[in-house]
N, C-alpha and C. Protein backbone atom coordinates (compact mmCIF):
# COMPACT_ATOMS: atom_id res chain seq x y z
N UNK A 1 181.20 84.88 -20.47
CA UNK A 1 180.28 84.58 -21.56
C UNK A 1 180.34 85.70 -22.59
N UNK A 2 180.38 86.92 -22.13
CA UNK A 2 180.43 88.07 -23.05
C UNK A 2 181.71 88.03 -23.88
N UNK A 3 182.83 87.68 -23.25
CA UNK A 3 184.10 87.60 -23.99
C UNK A 3 184.02 86.51 -25.07
N UNK A 4 183.37 85.40 -24.75
CA UNK A 4 183.19 84.32 -25.72
C UNK A 4 182.31 84.80 -26.87
N UNK A 5 181.22 85.46 -26.53
CA UNK A 5 180.30 85.97 -27.55
C UNK A 5 181.00 86.95 -28.48
N UNK A 6 181.89 87.77 -27.94
CA UNK A 6 182.61 88.78 -28.73
C UNK A 6 183.80 88.20 -29.49
N UNK A 7 184.14 86.92 -29.24
CA UNK A 7 185.27 86.30 -29.93
C UNK A 7 186.60 86.58 -29.26
N UNK A 8 186.59 87.16 -28.07
CA UNK A 8 187.84 87.44 -27.34
C UNK A 8 188.35 86.19 -26.64
N UNK A 9 187.47 85.27 -26.34
CA UNK A 9 187.81 83.98 -25.75
C UNK A 9 187.34 82.92 -26.74
N UNK A 10 188.18 81.92 -26.99
CA UNK A 10 187.87 80.95 -28.03
C UNK A 10 187.31 79.64 -27.53
N UNK A 11 187.24 79.46 -26.22
CA UNK A 11 186.66 78.24 -25.66
C UNK A 11 185.87 78.60 -24.41
N UNK A 12 184.76 77.93 -24.24
CA UNK A 12 183.91 78.14 -23.08
C UNK A 12 183.60 76.79 -22.45
N UNK A 13 183.88 76.69 -21.16
CA UNK A 13 183.53 75.49 -20.42
C UNK A 13 182.39 75.89 -19.51
N UNK A 14 181.29 75.13 -19.59
CA UNK A 14 180.10 75.57 -18.89
C UNK A 14 179.26 74.40 -18.42
N UNK A 15 178.35 74.70 -17.51
CA UNK A 15 177.31 73.75 -17.15
C UNK A 15 176.21 73.91 -18.20
N UNK A 16 175.09 73.24 -18.01
CA UNK A 16 174.01 73.33 -19.00
C UNK A 16 173.31 74.68 -19.00
N UNK A 17 173.73 75.60 -18.17
CA UNK A 17 173.16 76.95 -18.20
C UNK A 17 173.39 77.58 -19.58
N UNK A 18 174.37 77.07 -20.32
CA UNK A 18 174.64 77.58 -21.66
C UNK A 18 173.45 77.37 -22.59
N UNK A 19 172.57 76.45 -22.22
CA UNK A 19 171.40 76.16 -23.05
C UNK A 19 170.43 77.35 -23.12
N UNK A 20 170.37 78.12 -22.07
CA UNK A 20 169.34 79.15 -21.95
C UNK A 20 169.79 80.47 -22.56
N UNK A 21 169.20 80.85 -23.66
CA UNK A 21 169.37 82.17 -24.23
C UNK A 21 170.73 82.50 -24.80
N UNK A 22 171.56 81.51 -25.04
CA UNK A 22 172.88 81.78 -25.58
C UNK A 22 172.82 81.72 -27.10
N UNK A 23 173.26 82.80 -27.73
CA UNK A 23 173.27 82.83 -29.19
C UNK A 23 174.62 83.36 -29.66
N UNK A 24 175.51 82.45 -29.95
CA UNK A 24 176.84 82.79 -30.46
C UNK A 24 176.95 82.16 -31.84
N UNK A 25 176.62 82.91 -32.89
CA UNK A 25 176.52 82.33 -34.23
C UNK A 25 177.76 81.59 -34.71
N UNK A 26 178.95 81.99 -34.29
CA UNK A 26 180.15 81.34 -34.79
C UNK A 26 180.66 80.23 -33.90
N UNK A 27 179.91 79.84 -32.88
CA UNK A 27 180.28 78.67 -32.08
C UNK A 27 180.11 77.44 -32.97
N UNK A 28 181.17 76.66 -33.09
CA UNK A 28 181.12 75.56 -34.06
C UNK A 28 181.31 74.16 -33.45
N UNK A 29 181.81 74.07 -32.23
CA UNK A 29 182.02 72.75 -31.63
C UNK A 29 181.47 72.76 -30.21
N UNK A 30 180.68 71.72 -29.91
CA UNK A 30 180.22 71.53 -28.54
C UNK A 30 180.55 70.09 -28.17
N UNK A 31 181.14 69.93 -27.01
CA UNK A 31 181.48 68.61 -26.49
C UNK A 31 180.66 68.42 -25.21
N UNK A 32 179.84 67.37 -25.18
CA UNK A 32 179.01 67.09 -24.01
C UNK A 32 179.52 65.79 -23.39
N UNK A 33 180.06 65.92 -22.18
CA UNK A 33 180.54 64.74 -21.46
C UNK A 33 179.37 64.11 -20.70
N UNK A 34 179.46 62.80 -20.50
CA UNK A 34 178.41 62.05 -19.80
C UNK A 34 177.04 62.29 -20.42
N UNK A 35 176.97 62.19 -21.72
CA UNK A 35 175.73 62.47 -22.45
C UNK A 35 174.57 61.60 -22.00
N UNK A 36 174.87 60.43 -21.44
CA UNK A 36 173.80 59.53 -20.98
C UNK A 36 172.99 60.13 -19.84
N UNK A 37 173.52 61.14 -19.18
CA UNK A 37 172.83 61.76 -18.04
C UNK A 37 171.74 62.74 -18.47
N UNK A 38 171.70 63.06 -19.74
CA UNK A 38 170.75 64.04 -20.24
C UNK A 38 169.62 63.35 -20.99
N UNK A 39 168.47 63.99 -21.03
CA UNK A 39 167.36 63.48 -21.83
C UNK A 39 167.55 63.86 -23.28
N UNK A 40 166.81 63.21 -24.14
CA UNK A 40 166.90 63.50 -25.58
C UNK A 40 166.58 64.96 -25.89
N UNK A 41 165.54 65.48 -25.28
CA UNK A 41 165.15 66.86 -25.56
C UNK A 41 166.24 67.84 -25.13
N UNK A 42 166.83 67.61 -23.97
CA UNK A 42 167.88 68.51 -23.51
C UNK A 42 169.11 68.43 -24.41
N UNK A 43 169.48 67.23 -24.83
CA UNK A 43 170.61 67.10 -25.75
C UNK A 43 170.32 67.80 -27.08
N UNK A 44 169.08 67.67 -27.56
CA UNK A 44 168.68 68.34 -28.80
C UNK A 44 168.78 69.86 -28.64
N UNK A 45 168.34 70.37 -27.50
CA UNK A 45 168.42 71.81 -27.24
C UNK A 45 169.87 72.26 -27.13
N UNK A 46 170.69 71.49 -26.46
CA UNK A 46 172.10 71.86 -26.31
C UNK A 46 172.81 71.92 -27.65
N UNK A 47 172.60 70.93 -28.48
CA UNK A 47 173.31 70.94 -29.77
C UNK A 47 172.83 72.07 -30.67
N UNK A 48 171.66 72.59 -30.37
CA UNK A 48 171.17 73.74 -31.12
C UNK A 48 171.92 75.03 -30.83
N UNK A 49 172.81 75.00 -29.84
CA UNK A 49 173.61 76.19 -29.50
C UNK A 49 174.77 76.37 -30.46
N UNK A 50 175.13 75.34 -31.22
CA UNK A 50 176.21 75.46 -32.21
C UNK A 50 175.62 75.39 -33.62
N UNK A 51 176.35 75.91 -34.57
CA UNK A 51 175.91 75.83 -35.96
C UNK A 51 174.91 76.89 -36.35
N UNK A 52 174.90 78.00 -35.64
CA UNK A 52 173.96 79.07 -35.96
C UNK A 52 174.53 80.05 -36.97
N UNK A 53 175.80 79.92 -37.24
CA UNK A 53 176.45 80.82 -38.20
C UNK A 53 176.69 80.13 -39.52
N UNK A 54 177.62 80.65 -40.28
CA UNK A 54 177.88 80.14 -41.63
C UNK A 54 178.84 78.95 -41.66
N UNK A 55 179.51 78.67 -40.54
CA UNK A 55 180.52 77.62 -40.51
C UNK A 55 179.92 76.26 -40.12
N UNK A 56 180.51 75.20 -40.65
CA UNK A 56 180.09 73.84 -40.28
C UNK A 56 180.32 73.65 -38.79
N UNK A 57 179.39 72.93 -38.15
CA UNK A 57 179.51 72.75 -36.71
C UNK A 57 179.40 71.28 -36.33
N UNK A 58 179.83 70.99 -35.10
CA UNK A 58 179.81 69.63 -34.60
C UNK A 58 179.36 69.64 -33.14
N UNK A 59 178.54 68.65 -32.79
CA UNK A 59 178.17 68.42 -31.40
C UNK A 59 178.61 67.00 -31.09
N UNK A 60 179.58 66.88 -30.20
CA UNK A 60 180.17 65.59 -29.87
C UNK A 60 179.61 65.13 -28.53
N UNK A 61 179.00 63.96 -28.53
CA UNK A 61 178.41 63.40 -27.32
C UNK A 61 179.30 62.28 -26.81
N UNK A 62 179.84 62.43 -25.61
CA UNK A 62 180.72 61.43 -25.03
C UNK A 62 179.99 60.66 -23.93
N UNK A 63 180.22 59.36 -23.92
CA UNK A 63 179.68 58.52 -22.85
C UNK A 63 180.54 57.29 -22.70
N UNK A 64 180.62 56.78 -21.48
CA UNK A 64 181.29 55.50 -21.27
C UNK A 64 180.25 54.41 -21.04
N UNK A 65 178.99 54.80 -21.01
CA UNK A 65 177.87 53.87 -20.80
C UNK A 65 177.58 53.14 -22.11
N UNK A 66 177.78 51.86 -22.12
CA UNK A 66 177.57 51.05 -23.33
C UNK A 66 176.22 50.34 -23.34
N UNK A 67 175.30 50.75 -22.47
CA UNK A 67 174.00 50.07 -22.38
C UNK A 67 173.19 50.28 -23.66
N UNK A 68 172.28 49.36 -23.91
CA UNK A 68 171.42 49.44 -25.09
C UNK A 68 170.56 50.71 -25.04
N UNK A 69 170.14 51.09 -23.84
CA UNK A 69 169.31 52.28 -23.69
C UNK A 69 170.06 53.54 -24.11
N UNK A 70 171.30 53.69 -23.65
CA UNK A 70 172.10 54.86 -24.02
C UNK A 70 172.42 54.86 -25.50
N UNK A 71 172.78 53.70 -26.03
CA UNK A 71 173.08 53.59 -27.46
C UNK A 71 171.87 53.98 -28.30
N UNK A 72 170.69 53.50 -27.92
CA UNK A 72 169.46 53.83 -28.67
C UNK A 72 169.18 55.33 -28.60
N UNK A 73 169.34 55.91 -27.42
CA UNK A 73 169.06 57.33 -27.23
C UNK A 73 169.99 58.18 -28.08
N UNK A 74 171.28 57.90 -28.01
CA UNK A 74 172.24 58.72 -28.73
C UNK A 74 172.16 58.51 -30.24
N UNK A 75 171.75 57.32 -30.67
CA UNK A 75 171.62 57.09 -32.11
C UNK A 75 170.49 57.92 -32.71
N UNK A 76 169.48 58.25 -31.91
CA UNK A 76 168.40 59.12 -32.39
C UNK A 76 168.99 60.46 -32.80
N UNK A 77 169.86 61.01 -31.96
CA UNK A 77 170.46 62.32 -32.25
C UNK A 77 171.43 62.26 -33.41
N UNK A 78 171.99 61.09 -33.64
CA UNK A 78 172.88 60.91 -34.77
C UNK A 78 172.10 60.92 -36.09
N UNK A 79 170.86 60.44 -36.04
CA UNK A 79 170.06 60.26 -37.26
C UNK A 79 169.22 61.47 -37.65
N UNK A 80 168.87 62.34 -36.70
CA UNK A 80 167.93 63.41 -37.04
C UNK A 80 168.24 64.71 -36.29
N UNK A 81 167.87 65.81 -36.92
CA UNK A 81 167.92 67.13 -36.30
C UNK A 81 166.50 67.65 -36.07
N UNK A 82 165.51 66.86 -36.47
CA UNK A 82 164.12 67.30 -36.39
C UNK A 82 163.59 67.09 -34.96
N UNK A 83 163.18 68.19 -34.33
CA UNK A 83 162.70 68.13 -32.95
C UNK A 83 161.49 67.24 -32.76
N UNK A 84 160.60 67.19 -33.76
CA UNK A 84 159.42 66.33 -33.65
C UNK A 84 159.84 64.86 -33.66
N UNK A 85 160.81 64.51 -34.50
CA UNK A 85 161.31 63.14 -34.54
C UNK A 85 161.99 62.77 -33.22
N UNK A 86 162.72 63.73 -32.65
CA UNK A 86 163.38 63.50 -31.36
C UNK A 86 162.33 63.24 -30.27
N UNK A 87 161.28 64.07 -30.25
CA UNK A 87 160.22 63.91 -29.24
C UNK A 87 159.51 62.57 -29.40
N UNK A 88 159.25 62.17 -30.62
CA UNK A 88 158.58 60.90 -30.87
C UNK A 88 159.46 59.72 -30.43
N UNK A 89 160.75 59.81 -30.72
CA UNK A 89 161.67 58.75 -30.30
C UNK A 89 161.76 58.70 -28.78
N UNK A 90 161.76 59.86 -28.14
CA UNK A 90 161.79 59.91 -26.68
C UNK A 90 160.57 59.22 -26.10
N UNK A 91 159.40 59.47 -26.70
CA UNK A 91 158.16 58.82 -26.27
C UNK A 91 158.30 57.30 -26.39
N UNK A 92 158.83 56.85 -27.53
CA UNK A 92 158.99 55.41 -27.77
C UNK A 92 159.97 54.79 -26.77
N UNK A 93 161.05 55.49 -26.46
CA UNK A 93 162.08 54.94 -25.58
C UNK A 93 161.69 54.98 -24.10
N UNK A 94 161.05 56.07 -23.67
CA UNK A 94 160.76 56.25 -22.24
C UNK A 94 159.32 55.98 -21.86
N UNK A 95 158.43 55.92 -22.84
CA UNK A 95 157.01 55.73 -22.53
C UNK A 95 156.32 57.08 -22.35
N UNK A 96 155.00 57.10 -22.39
CA UNK A 96 154.25 58.36 -22.36
C UNK A 96 154.11 58.97 -20.97
N UNK A 97 154.43 58.22 -19.93
CA UNK A 97 154.22 58.73 -18.58
C UNK A 97 152.78 58.50 -18.15
N UNK A 98 152.40 59.13 -17.07
CA UNK A 98 151.07 58.98 -16.50
C UNK A 98 150.26 60.22 -16.83
N UNK A 99 149.33 60.10 -17.76
CA UNK A 99 148.56 61.26 -18.19
C UNK A 99 147.70 61.85 -17.10
N UNK A 100 147.30 61.03 -16.13
CA UNK A 100 146.45 61.53 -15.05
C UNK A 100 147.24 61.74 -13.76
N UNK A 101 148.53 61.56 -13.80
CA UNK A 101 149.36 61.72 -12.61
C UNK A 101 150.54 62.62 -12.88
N UNK A 102 151.64 62.35 -12.21
CA UNK A 102 152.80 63.22 -12.30
C UNK A 102 154.01 62.58 -12.98
N UNK A 103 153.99 61.28 -13.22
CA UNK A 103 155.14 60.62 -13.84
C UNK A 103 155.33 61.12 -15.26
N UNK A 104 156.57 61.53 -15.58
CA UNK A 104 156.86 62.08 -16.89
C UNK A 104 157.41 61.05 -17.86
N UNK A 105 157.58 59.84 -17.41
CA UNK A 105 158.03 58.77 -18.29
C UNK A 105 157.53 57.45 -17.74
N UNK A 106 157.73 56.40 -18.51
CA UNK A 106 157.28 55.08 -18.09
C UNK A 106 155.89 54.77 -18.62
N UNK A 107 155.42 53.60 -18.29
CA UNK A 107 154.11 53.17 -18.75
C UNK A 107 153.07 53.43 -17.67
N UNK A 108 151.87 53.84 -18.06
CA UNK A 108 150.83 54.04 -17.07
C UNK A 108 150.44 52.72 -16.42
N UNK A 109 149.93 52.80 -15.18
CA UNK A 109 149.55 51.59 -14.45
C UNK A 109 148.45 50.82 -15.19
N UNK A 110 147.49 51.53 -15.76
CA UNK A 110 146.42 50.91 -16.51
C UNK A 110 146.61 51.25 -17.98
N UNK A 111 146.93 50.27 -18.77
CA UNK A 111 147.14 50.52 -20.18
C UNK A 111 145.81 50.35 -20.91
N UNK A 112 145.31 51.45 -21.45
CA UNK A 112 144.01 51.41 -22.13
C UNK A 112 144.18 51.38 -23.63
N UNK A 113 145.39 51.45 -24.10
CA UNK A 113 145.65 51.42 -25.52
C UNK A 113 146.97 52.10 -25.79
N UNK A 114 147.38 52.09 -27.01
CA UNK A 114 148.60 52.77 -27.42
C UNK A 114 148.21 54.20 -27.81
N UNK A 115 148.71 55.18 -27.06
CA UNK A 115 148.30 56.57 -27.28
C UNK A 115 148.60 57.06 -28.68
N UNK A 116 149.61 56.49 -29.31
CA UNK A 116 149.98 56.93 -30.65
C UNK A 116 149.12 56.27 -31.72
N UNK A 117 149.04 54.95 -31.68
CA UNK A 117 148.34 54.26 -32.77
C UNK A 117 146.83 54.14 -32.54
N UNK A 118 146.38 54.28 -31.29
CA UNK A 118 144.96 54.13 -31.00
C UNK A 118 144.25 55.45 -30.71
N UNK A 119 144.88 56.55 -31.03
CA UNK A 119 144.30 57.87 -30.70
C UNK A 119 142.91 58.04 -31.29
N UNK A 120 142.69 57.57 -32.51
CA UNK A 120 141.37 57.72 -33.13
C UNK A 120 140.30 56.95 -32.35
N UNK A 121 140.66 55.75 -31.86
CA UNK A 121 139.73 54.96 -31.06
C UNK A 121 139.42 55.65 -29.73
N UNK A 122 140.42 56.24 -29.14
CA UNK A 122 140.22 56.93 -27.87
C UNK A 122 139.34 58.17 -28.04
N UNK A 123 139.53 58.88 -29.14
CA UNK A 123 138.67 60.04 -29.42
C UNK A 123 137.22 59.59 -29.63
N UNK A 124 137.04 58.48 -30.33
CA UNK A 124 135.69 57.95 -30.56
C UNK A 124 135.05 57.52 -29.24
N UNK A 125 135.81 56.84 -28.40
CA UNK A 125 135.29 56.39 -27.11
C UNK A 125 134.91 57.59 -26.24
N UNK A 126 135.73 58.63 -26.28
CA UNK A 126 135.41 59.84 -25.50
C UNK A 126 134.14 60.49 -26.01
N UNK A 127 133.98 60.54 -27.33
CA UNK A 127 132.78 61.14 -27.91
C UNK A 127 131.53 60.37 -27.48
N UNK A 128 131.61 59.05 -27.47
CA UNK A 128 130.47 58.22 -27.04
C UNK A 128 130.19 58.48 -25.56
N UNK A 129 131.23 58.52 -24.74
CA UNK A 129 131.05 58.77 -23.31
C UNK A 129 130.42 60.14 -23.07
N UNK A 130 130.87 61.15 -23.80
CA UNK A 130 130.31 62.50 -23.63
C UNK A 130 128.83 62.52 -24.05
N UNK A 131 128.49 61.75 -25.08
CA UNK A 131 127.11 61.66 -25.52
C UNK A 131 126.23 61.01 -24.44
N UNK A 132 126.75 59.96 -23.82
CA UNK A 132 126.02 59.31 -22.73
C UNK A 132 125.80 60.29 -21.59
N UNK A 133 126.85 61.02 -21.19
CA UNK A 133 126.71 62.00 -20.11
C UNK A 133 125.74 63.12 -20.49
N UNK A 134 125.74 63.52 -21.74
CA UNK A 134 124.83 64.60 -22.17
C UNK A 134 123.37 64.17 -22.05
N UNK A 135 123.11 62.90 -22.34
CA UNK A 135 121.74 62.39 -22.30
C UNK A 135 121.31 61.85 -20.94
N UNK A 136 122.28 61.54 -20.09
CA UNK A 136 121.97 60.98 -18.77
C UNK A 136 123.08 61.42 -17.80
N UNK A 137 123.09 62.71 -17.41
CA UNK A 137 124.19 63.28 -16.62
C UNK A 137 124.50 62.55 -15.32
N UNK A 138 123.52 62.00 -14.67
CA UNK A 138 123.74 61.30 -13.40
C UNK A 138 123.88 59.79 -13.59
N UNK A 139 123.86 59.35 -14.84
CA UNK A 139 123.93 57.92 -15.18
C UNK A 139 122.88 57.12 -14.42
N UNK A 140 121.64 57.59 -14.48
CA UNK A 140 120.55 56.95 -13.75
C UNK A 140 119.77 55.94 -14.59
N UNK A 141 119.85 56.02 -15.88
CA UNK A 141 119.13 55.07 -16.73
C UNK A 141 119.68 53.66 -16.52
N UNK A 142 118.81 52.66 -16.62
CA UNK A 142 119.25 51.27 -16.37
C UNK A 142 120.45 50.85 -17.23
N UNK A 143 120.44 51.24 -18.50
CA UNK A 143 121.54 50.82 -19.38
C UNK A 143 122.87 51.48 -19.02
N UNK A 144 122.83 52.54 -18.20
CA UNK A 144 124.05 53.24 -17.82
C UNK A 144 124.52 52.93 -16.40
N UNK A 145 123.80 52.07 -15.70
CA UNK A 145 124.17 51.73 -14.32
C UNK A 145 125.56 51.10 -14.24
N UNK A 146 125.92 50.31 -15.26
CA UNK A 146 127.24 49.67 -15.24
C UNK A 146 128.36 50.70 -15.27
N UNK A 147 128.12 51.84 -15.96
CA UNK A 147 129.13 52.89 -16.01
C UNK A 147 129.21 53.62 -14.68
N UNK A 148 128.06 53.78 -14.04
CA UNK A 148 128.03 54.47 -12.75
C UNK A 148 128.91 53.74 -11.73
N UNK A 149 128.77 52.42 -11.70
CA UNK A 149 129.58 51.64 -10.77
C UNK A 149 131.07 51.77 -11.07
N UNK A 150 131.42 51.86 -12.31
CA UNK A 150 132.83 51.98 -12.70
C UNK A 150 133.41 53.36 -12.41
N UNK A 151 132.59 54.37 -12.59
CA UNK A 151 133.09 55.75 -12.53
C UNK A 151 132.91 56.43 -11.20
N UNK A 152 131.74 56.31 -10.61
CA UNK A 152 131.40 57.16 -9.48
C UNK A 152 131.55 56.51 -8.12
N UNK A 153 130.94 55.37 -7.95
CA UNK A 153 130.78 54.83 -6.61
C UNK A 153 132.00 54.04 -6.14
N UNK A 154 133.16 54.67 -6.24
CA UNK A 154 134.40 54.08 -5.76
C UNK A 154 135.13 55.12 -4.93
N UNK A 155 135.59 54.72 -3.82
CA UNK A 155 136.43 55.56 -2.98
C UNK A 155 135.85 56.96 -2.78
N UNK A 156 134.53 57.05 -2.71
CA UNK A 156 133.88 58.35 -2.43
C UNK A 156 134.01 59.36 -3.55
N UNK A 157 134.30 58.93 -4.74
CA UNK A 157 134.46 59.87 -5.85
C UNK A 157 133.11 60.39 -6.33
N UNK A 158 133.16 61.53 -6.98
CA UNK A 158 131.97 62.08 -7.62
C UNK A 158 132.28 62.25 -9.09
N UNK A 159 131.35 62.82 -9.83
CA UNK A 159 131.57 63.06 -11.26
C UNK A 159 132.62 64.14 -11.51
N UNK A 160 133.08 64.84 -10.50
CA UNK A 160 134.01 65.95 -10.67
C UNK A 160 135.32 65.52 -11.35
N UNK A 161 135.72 64.29 -11.22
CA UNK A 161 136.99 63.86 -11.80
C UNK A 161 136.85 63.36 -13.25
N UNK A 162 135.65 63.34 -13.78
CA UNK A 162 135.43 62.84 -15.14
C UNK A 162 135.57 64.00 -16.12
N UNK A 163 136.38 63.81 -17.16
CA UNK A 163 136.54 64.87 -18.16
C UNK A 163 136.42 64.31 -19.56
């Protein structure tokens, strides 16, 4: 790696470890084989390793996978260099995951709305819920009994899981 950085070696073949902390300003070409195996964010990070100097650079993504999913993913990288746009496209393609669990992609089991377009509604609903809890912490008032059944008295849960 040091010889490559110093310009003594003109080609480097590496695993994705090259992504971490490598800064070779005059690296101008990166070829990524089996690009379908990587996530959008990782591909975006990898291509950021080239083009740091004054010379024009290229990141070539190779795949033999002709699926619509791979084509859609790779076309995102073809269209933008903006990390926020890449992250948003990744969300659209893979789903938001499970906000209350561990899944990092896919759709949640209970869909309560579209996290992107309904965020204002969700913030409003949370504010109303917090107001109800502030005025009736144990949900003992008659008008709040319906919430108590939904939130607390299931599977031995307490209010500890409500945020």
